Amino acid sequence: QFIILVVDSIDRERLSITKEELYRMLAHEDLRKAAVLIFANKQDMKGCMTAAEISTHLTLSSIKDHPWHIQSCCALTGEG
């Protein structure tokens, strides 16, 4: 099982809500063994947060029970 989360790299205001939802999903019994893939979308936009910044804001380094990866991407061009 996998959790695939797409993050809008421009939307700094919603990042705290995204973090709450991610950790709520990770705590769910049905997802206790799920791997996590996070797409840091809109990397083509000026002023966007980098994948590293998003990782820090979401405190991904504290996730020990789930393998995770964050990937920079741009849905419009298909990069990442």
Protein backbone atom coordinates (compact mmCIF):
# COMPACT_ATOMS: atom_id res chain seq x y z
CA GLN A 1 0.00 0.00 0.00
CA PHE A 2 1.09 3.51 -0.77
CA ILE A 3 0.18 7.04 0.10
CA ILE A 4 0.73 9.45 -2.77
CA LEU A 5 0.48 13.07 -1.73
CA VAL A 6 0.73 16.00 -4.16
CA VAL A 7 1.86 19.25 -2.55
CA ASP A 8 1.43 22.64 -4.21
CA SER A 9 4.93 24.08 -3.80
CA ILE A 10 3.59 27.63 -4.03
CA ASP A 11 0.88 27.32 -1.38
CA ARG A 12 2.73 27.97 1.87
CA GLU A 13 -0.49 28.72 3.78
CA ARG A 14 -1.93 25.22 3.36
CA LEU A 15 1.25 23.36 4.26
CA SER A 16 0.26 23.08 7.92
CA ILE A 17 -3.07 21.51 6.89
CA THR A 18 -1.21 19.15 4.58
CA LYS A 19 1.05 18.14 7.46
CA GLU A 20 -1.93 17.43 9.73
CA GLU A 21 -3.61 15.31 7.06
CA LEU A 22 -0.41 13.38 6.27
CA TYR A 23 0.16 12.44 9.89
CA ARG A 24 -3.52 11.57 10.31
CA MET A 25 -3.21 9.16 7.38
CA LEU A 26 0.02 7.68 8.75
CA ALA A 27 -1.69 6.97 12.06
CA HIS A 28 -4.56 5.08 10.44
CA GLU A 29 -4.47 1.34 11.14
CA ASP A 30 -5.06 0.41 7.48
CA LEU A 31 -2.01 2.44 6.41
CA ARG A 32 0.44 1.39 9.12
CA LYS A 33 2.73 -0.32 6.58
CA ALA A 34 2.21 2.15 3.73
CA ALA A 35 5.11 3.75 1.91
CA VAL A 36 4.80 7.49 1.22
CA LEU A 37 5.52 9.32 -2.03
CA ILE A 38 5.22 13.10 -1.97
CA PHE A 39 5.20 15.05 -5.21
CA ALA A 40 6.38 18.64 -4.70
CA ASN A 41 4.43 20.02 -7.67
CA LYS A 42 4.72 23.37 -9.47
CA GLN A 43 8.51 23.46 -9.28
CA ASP A 44 8.43 25.59 -12.45
CA MET A 45 6.84 28.50 -10.59
CA LYS A 46 8.93 31.40 -9.37
CA GLY A 47 9.14 31.55 -5.58
CA CYS A 48 8.11 27.95 -5.02
CA MET A 49 9.39 25.99 -2.05
CA THR A 50 12.01 23.37 -2.84
CA ALA A 51 11.46 19.73 -2.00
CA ALA A 52 13.93 20.18 0.87
CA GLU A 53 11.92 23.10 2.29
CA ILE A 54 8.69 21.12 2.04
CA SER A 55 10.38 18.15 3.70
CA THR A 56 11.43 20.38 6.58
CA HIS A 57 7.97 21.92 6.97
CA LEU A 58 6.35 18.48 6.97
CA THR A 59 9.07 17.13 9.32
CA LEU A 60 9.49 14.11 7.08
CA SER A 61 12.73 13.16 8.83
CA SER A 62 10.65 12.24 11.88
CA ILE A 63 8.78 9.55 9.94
CA LYS A 64 10.50 6.34 11.03
CA ASP A 65 7.79 3.68 10.55
CA HIS A 66 7.13 4.33 6.86
CA PRO A 67 9.55 4.50 3.94
CA TRP A 68 9.09 7.87 2.24
CA HIS A 69 10.41 9.86 -0.70
CA ILE A 70 9.78 13.43 -1.82
CA GLN A 71 10.08 14.21 -5.53
CA SER A 72 10.19 17.63 -7.18
CA CYS A 73 7.93 17.74 -10.20
CA CYS A 74 5.98 19.83 -12.66
CA ALA A 75 2.69 18.35 -13.85
CA LEU A 76 2.56 20.64 -16.89
CA THR A 77 5.88 19.47 -18.33
CA GLY A 78 6.01 15.99 -16.83
CA GLU A 79 9.39 16.66 -15.21
CA GLY A 80 10.08 14.69 -12.04
